Amino acid sequence: MSKCSIILIPLLPTLFVTGCAGLGLKETRETYGAKFTGTHPVLARCVLNELRSDSRWLIRGLQYDVRTYRDMEATEIYAYPRDTLPGTYARNSPENPDAVISYSYTTPQPKVYASRQDTSAGHGAYPNYSFDLMLKRTDNATVVANINGKKYESDAAWDALKACAAR
């Protein structure tokens, strides 16, 4: 064998694997919308409780940023993968066995929806969220729900919302 083939033969599998690594699967995003019976704070609390008690580790490990918009009577839930919620440090990280973690209902942050529209940096949400669930009051007994996010997490949240509305 020539020196060139001695060098190229071990490199070919490496080059092949490196070339195929860029052809990975793209994660799909889902968007749903529907009308549900209930009030937005009660449905939001129920959805969070359902997701936190889910048996799937990926769903149970999500962290939440809950916002209420009093000017339009709505609640918005942003779900983030483990350790990516802004404000997560070693002392409160789910990955740290010595951390102090609160699994109670996340207190919603009161916000003004009009200011959400003015910001160009993604309305205060960090771009790596798993899903964004918006529950907006339509009348005294119903809400309109819209969800946008990663398919797996969005499907779990949408199923939880349907189960909460059916109660």
Protein backbone atom coordinates (compact mmCIF):
# COMPACT_ATOMS: atom_id res chain seq x y z
CA MET A 1 0.00 0.00 0.00
CA SER A 2 1.07 3.49 -0.64
CA LYS A 3 1.55 6.12 2.03
CA CYS A 4 -1.48 8.01 0.76
CA SER A 5 -3.84 5.06 1.23
CA ILE A 6 -2.44 4.38 4.70
CA ILE A 7 -3.40 7.93 5.70
CA LEU A 8 -6.74 8.07 3.85
CA ILE A 9 -8.24 4.74 4.97
CA PRO A 10 -8.54 5.72 8.67
CA LEU A 11 -9.73 9.21 7.71
CA LEU A 12 -12.61 8.10 5.46
CA PRO A 13 -14.97 6.89 8.24
CA THR A 14 -14.22 10.05 10.22
CA LEU A 15 -14.96 12.27 7.24
CA PHE A 16 -18.16 10.33 6.51
CA VAL A 17 -19.43 10.63 10.10
CA THR A 18 -18.53 14.31 10.21
CA GLY A 19 -20.33 14.95 6.95
CA CYS A 20 -23.48 13.15 8.09
CA ALA A 21 -23.58 14.89 11.47
CA GLY A 22 -25.03 18.01 9.88
CA LEU A 23 -27.95 16.06 8.45
CA GLY A 24 -29.64 15.57 11.84
CA LEU A 25 -33.36 15.72 12.43
CA LYS A 26 -34.93 19.12 12.78
CA GLU A 27 -37.13 19.55 15.80
CA THR A 28 -40.67 20.38 14.76
CA ARG A 29 -42.76 23.08 16.39
CA GLU A 30 -46.49 22.89 16.93
CA THR A 31 -49.18 25.54 17.19
CA TYR A 32 -52.65 24.84 18.54
CA GLY A 33 -55.61 27.01 19.40
CA ALA A 34 -59.07 26.32 20.81
CA LYS A 35 -61.75 27.54 23.19
CA PHE A 36 -62.07 25.95 26.65
CA THR A 37 -64.46 26.23 29.56
CA GLY A 38 -62.96 27.73 32.71
CA THR A 39 -61.06 30.76 33.93
CA HIS A 40 -57.49 31.46 32.93
CA PRO A 41 -55.93 31.41 36.45
CA VAL A 42 -57.61 28.12 37.38
CA LEU A 43 -56.70 26.44 34.08
CA ALA A 44 -53.10 27.69 34.34
CA ARG A 45 -52.73 26.31 37.86
CA CYS A 46 -54.26 22.99 36.81
CA VAL A 47 -52.00 22.68 33.75
CA LEU A 48 -48.91 23.34 35.85
CA ASN A 49 -49.97 20.75 38.43
CA GLU A 50 -50.62 18.18 35.69
CA LEU A 51 -47.26 18.79 34.03
CA ARG A 52 -45.36 18.67 37.32
CA SER A 53 -46.94 15.34 38.21
CA ASP A 54 -46.35 13.80 34.77
CA SER A 55 -44.48 10.50 34.76
CA ARG A 56 -42.22 11.47 31.85
CA TRP A 57 -38.94 12.92 33.16
CA LEU A 58 -38.63 15.42 30.32
CA ILE A 59 -42.04 16.93 31.06
CA ARG A 60 -41.72 16.77 34.84
CA GLY A 61 -38.33 18.52 34.65
CA LEU A 62 -39.62 21.61 32.86
CA GLN A 63 -39.34 24.93 34.68
CA TYR A 64 -41.96 27.65 34.28
CA ASP A 65 -42.25 31.39 33.96
CA VAL A 66 -45.91 32.32 34.59
CA ARG A 67 -47.17 35.79 33.70
CA THR A 68 -50.57 37.40 34.19
CA TYR A 69 -51.74 40.28 32.02
CA ARG A 70 -54.45 42.11 33.93
CA ASP A 71 -55.08 44.64 31.16
CA MET A 72 -56.33 41.88 28.84
CA GLU A 73 -57.26 39.25 31.47
CA ALA A 74 -54.86 36.54 30.39
CA THR A 75 -52.24 34.18 31.77
CA GLU A 76 -49.17 33.07 29.85
CA ILE A 77 -46.94 30.13 30.73
CA TYR A 78 -43.44 29.78 29.32
CA ALA A 79 -41.86 26.35 29.87
CA TYR A 80 -38.10 25.99 29.77
CA PRO A 81 -35.93 22.88 29.68
CA ARG A 82 -34.08 21.97 32.84
CA ASP A 83 -31.53 24.61 33.96
CA THR A 84 -32.37 27.09 31.20
CA LEU A 85 -34.95 29.15 33.09
CA PRO A 86 -33.47 32.58 33.73
CA GLY A 87 -32.50 32.85 37.38
CA THR A 88 -31.50 29.20 37.79
CA TYR A 89 -28.26 28.86 39.72
CA ALA A 90 -26.52 25.95 41.43
CA ARG A 91 -28.41 26.62 44.66
CA ASN A 92 -31.81 26.06 43.01
CA SER A 93 -30.95 23.86 40.03
CA PRO A 94 -32.84 20.56 39.66
CA GLU A 95 -29.52 18.93 38.71
CA ASN A 96 -28.01 19.70 42.13
CA PRO A 97 -28.97 17.08 44.74
CA ASP A 98 -28.34 19.61 47.54
CA ALA A 99 -30.42 22.36 45.96
CA VAL A 100 -33.49 23.87 47.56
CA ILE A 101 -36.19 23.50 44.93
CA SER A 102 -39.74 24.71 45.29
CA TYR A 103 -42.26 22.56 43.44
CA SER A 104 -45.21 24.64 44.55
CA TYR A 105 -47.31 26.69 42.18
CA THR A 106 -45.26 29.39 40.50
CA THR A 107 -46.56 32.80 41.49
CA PRO A 108 -47.55 34.66 38.33
CA GLN A 109 -45.74 37.89 37.59
CA PRO A 110 -48.23 40.69 36.90
CA LYS A 111 -47.35 42.39 33.63
CA VAL A 112 -48.92 44.78 31.15
CA TYR A 113 -49.60 43.16 27.79
CA ALA A 114 -49.07 46.41 25.88
CA SER A 115 -45.42 46.47 26.99
CA ARG A 116 -45.05 42.91 25.68
CA GLN A 117 -45.72 44.11 22.16
CA ASP A 118 -43.22 46.98 22.34
CA THR A 119 -40.09 44.98 23.00
CA SER A 120 -38.27 43.70 19.96
CA ALA A 121 -36.19 41.14 21.89
CA GLY A 122 -38.86 38.43 21.99
CA HIS A 123 -41.24 40.10 24.46
CA GLY A 124 -39.09 39.30 27.46
CA ALA A 125 -39.03 35.55 26.85
CA TYR A 126 -35.78 33.77 26.31
CA PRO A 127 -35.58 32.07 22.90
CA ASN A 128 -34.99 28.51 24.09
CA TYR A 129 -38.40 27.95 25.64
CA SER A 130 -40.11 24.60 25.15
CA PHE A 131 -43.59 26.05 24.75
CA ASP A 132 -45.61 29.19 25.30
CA LEU A 133 -49.21 28.68 26.44
CA MET A 134 -51.48 31.74 26.37
CA LEU A 135 -54.89 31.55 28.11
CA LYS A 136 -57.03 34.59 27.34
CA ARG A 137 -60.48 35.27 28.78
CA THR A 138 -63.27 35.58 26.23
CA ASP A 139 -66.26 35.81 28.61
CA ASN A 140 -67.08 34.82 32.19
CA ALA A 141 -67.00 31.08 31.47
CA THR A 142 -64.53 30.49 28.61
CA VAL A 143 -60.97 31.16 27.55
CA VAL A 144 -59.14 30.96 24.24
CA ALA A 145 -55.93 28.97 24.50
CA ASN A 146 -53.01 29.15 22.09
CA ILE A 147 -49.84 27.13 22.38
CA ASN A 148 -46.67 27.33 20.37
CA GLY A 149 -43.52 25.30 20.94
CA LYS A 150 -41.64 22.06 20.56
CA LYS A 151 -43.89 19.23 19.47
CA TYR A 152 -43.37 16.78 22.35
CA GLU A 153 -43.68 19.33 25.15
CA SER A 154 -46.52 21.22 23.45
CA ASP A 155 -48.50 18.01 22.98
CA ALA A 156 -48.10 17.16 26.67
CA ALA A 157 -49.21 20.64 27.74
CA TRP A 158 -52.15 20.62 25.32
CA ASP A 159 -53.30 17.23 26.62
CA ALA A 160 -53.01 18.54 30.19
CA LEU A 161 -55.10 21.58 29.24
CA LYS A 162 -57.80 19.40 27.67
CA ALA A 163 -57.88 17.22 30.80
CA CYS A 164 -58.18 20.29 33.05
CA ALA A 165 -60.97 21.81 30.98
CA ALA A 166 -62.92 18.52 31.05
CA ARG A 167 -63.09 18.55 34.88
